[in-house]
Protein backbone atom coordinates (compact mmCIF):
# COMPACT_ATOMS: atom_id res chain seq x y z
CA MET A 1 0.00 0.00 0.00
CA PRO A 2 1.51 3.36 -1.00
CA VAL A 3 2.28 5.87 1.73
CA SER A 4 1.75 9.57 1.09
CA ASP A 5 4.03 10.82 3.89
CA THR A 6 7.07 8.57 4.11
CA ILE A 7 8.72 10.54 6.94
CA ALA A 8 5.60 10.26 9.12
CA ASP A 9 5.56 6.51 8.38
CA PHE A 10 9.26 6.30 9.36
CA LEU A 11 8.65 8.10 12.66
CA THR A 12 5.52 6.06 13.41
CA ARG A 13 7.38 2.78 12.90
CA ILE A 14 10.08 3.91 15.34
CA ARG A 15 7.47 5.13 17.86
CA ASN A 16 5.47 1.89 17.69
CA ALA A 17 8.53 -0.37 17.87
CA SER A 18 9.92 1.42 20.93
CA ALA A 19 6.51 1.39 22.64
CA ALA A 20 6.33 -2.38 22.01
CA LYS A 21 9.93 -2.70 23.34
CA HIS A 22 11.27 -4.21 20.13
CA LYS A 23 15.05 -4.38 19.80
CA ALA A 24 15.07 -3.24 16.18
CA VAL A 25 12.82 -1.97 13.42
CA GLU A 26 13.11 -2.05 9.64
CA VAL A 27 11.92 0.77 7.39
CA PRO A 28 12.19 1.39 3.64
CA CYS A 29 15.36 3.35 2.90
CA SER A 30 15.83 6.83 1.44
CA ASN A 31 18.57 9.43 1.69
CA LEU A 32 16.41 11.68 3.89
CA LYS A 33 15.60 8.82 6.28
CA MET A 34 19.30 7.92 6.48
CA ALA A 35 20.12 11.55 7.35
CA ILE A 36 17.46 11.58 10.09
CA ALA A 37 18.70 8.23 11.43
CA GLN A 38 22.27 9.59 11.52
CA ILE A 39 21.12 12.55 13.63
CA LEU A 40 19.19 10.22 15.96
CA LYS A 41 22.33 8.10 16.36
CA ASP A 42 24.60 11.13 16.93
CA GLN A 43 22.24 12.47 19.60
CA GLY A 44 21.98 9.07 21.33
CA TYR A 45 18.33 8.26 20.60
CA ILE A 46 19.09 5.06 18.68
CA ALA A 47 21.96 2.59 19.09
CA GLU A 48 22.85 2.15 15.42
CA PHE A 49 21.47 1.76 11.93
CA GLU A 50 22.56 0.14 8.71
CA LYS A 51 21.33 0.04 5.15
CA VAL A 52 20.54 -3.46 3.92
CA ASP A 53 20.32 -3.74 0.13
CA ASN A 54 17.56 -5.80 -1.41
CA SER A 55 16.21 -5.98 -4.94
CA HIS A 56 14.29 -2.70 -4.51
CA GLN A 57 15.27 0.50 -2.71
CA GLY A 58 16.84 -1.12 0.33
CA VAL A 59 15.88 -1.27 4.00
CA LEU A 60 17.15 0.63 7.02
CA HIS A 61 17.69 -1.67 9.99
CA ILE A 62 17.53 0.50 13.13
CA LYS A 63 18.51 -0.78 16.59
CA LEU A 64 16.60 1.05 19.33
CA ARG A 65 18.03 2.15 22.70
CA TYR A 66 16.54 1.61 26.14
CA TYR A 67 17.57 2.88 29.57
CA LEU A 68 16.48 0.92 32.66
CA GLY A 69 13.90 -0.89 30.54
CA GLN A 70 12.31 2.32 29.22
CA PRO A 71 12.69 3.62 25.64
CA VAL A 72 15.15 6.50 25.23
CA ILE A 73 12.72 8.10 22.74
CA ARG A 74 9.84 9.27 24.90
CA GLU A 75 8.09 11.22 22.14
CA ILE A 76 8.74 11.60 18.43
CA ARG A 77 6.37 13.85 16.51
CA ARG A 78 6.08 15.04 12.91
CA VAL A 79 5.87 18.84 12.69
CA SER A 80 5.87 19.71 8.98
CA LYS A 81 3.30 17.70 7.06
CA PRO A 82 2.49 17.51 3.33
CA GLY A 83 -0.67 19.56 3.88
CA ARG A 84 0.99 22.15 6.13
CA ARG A 85 4.70 22.79 5.79
CA VAL A 86 6.38 24.50 8.75
CA TYR A 87 9.42 26.69 8.08
CA ALA A 88 11.46 28.63 10.62
CA PRO A 89 14.37 31.05 10.45
CA ALA A 90 17.53 30.30 12.45
CA ASP A 91 16.43 32.44 15.41
CA GLY A 92 12.88 31.05 15.29
CA LEU A 93 13.67 27.34 15.49
CA PRO A 94 11.65 25.59 18.23
CA ARG A 95 13.24 24.63 21.54
CA VAL A 96 12.03 21.14 22.42
CA ARG A 97 11.38 20.60 26.13
CA ASN A 98 13.48 23.64 27.01
CA GLY A 99 16.56 22.17 25.32
CA LEU A 100 16.19 18.57 26.55
CA GLY A 101 14.98 17.36 23.15
CA ILE A 102 15.87 18.17 19.57
CA ALA A 103 14.13 19.28 16.41
CA ILE A 104 15.34 17.94 13.07
CA VAL A 105 15.50 20.61 10.38
CA SER A 106 15.94 20.29 6.62
CA THR A 107 18.11 23.24 5.57
CA PRO A 108 19.80 24.31 2.34
CA ARG A 109 23.02 22.93 3.90
CA GLY A 110 21.46 19.51 4.61
CA VAL A 111 19.47 17.85 7.37
CA MET A 112 20.65 18.85 10.86
CA SER A 113 19.51 19.26 14.45
CA ASP A 114 18.08 22.57 15.66
CA LYS A 115 21.18 23.25 17.77
CA GLN A 116 23.51 22.81 14.81
CA ALA A 117 21.24 24.96 12.61
CA ARG A 118 21.36 27.76 15.21
CA ARG A 119 25.15 27.45 15.37
CA GLU A 120 25.41 27.74 11.58
CA ASN A 121 22.72 30.47 11.52
CA VAL A 122 20.54 28.70 8.96
CA GLY A 123 16.79 28.01 9.00
CA GLY A 124 14.62 25.59 7.08
CA GLU A 125 11.74 23.15 7.26
CA VAL A 126 11.14 21.70 10.74
CA LEU A 127 10.65 17.98 10.04
CA CYS A 128 10.09 16.56 13.52
CA THR A 129 10.75 16.91 17.25
CA ILE A 130 12.18 14.23 19.56
CA TRP A 131 12.68 14.04 23.30
C-alpha cells in the first residue's frame, strides 16, 4: 500500500517499535531517512542503523536504545506535514522541552539538528521533534 508521507511513516514505525519494546525496526530506505537516522544516532536516541540492500530500494535496519527498561525516545512527533509545511528562520527554530529534546530541520546545507542549525545560523523546514 503506497504511503503519502514517508517521513511520518518512518517516525511512526520507530514510535510503535519502541513502545512495544522491540530491539530493532526495519523501514524502507531513502537518503532523507538515512540523514534523520544519523542525527538520531549522533544524539543518542538510537543505538545504530545500517542500510541493507535488497532488490528494490533497500531497507534501514535500526537498533533502538533503552535505559532501565524504558525507551530512550519518549516522544517523536512530525511537525511539517504535506498539507501544512512549517518553516522557521535560524532564530525562530523551536526549543524542544526547554533544550532537553531536539528538532530535526531540513536546511539548504542539509538535514541537521536545531542546535547545529542555530550554530550555523541557517533556517529551514522543521521535520520533527524528539525528546
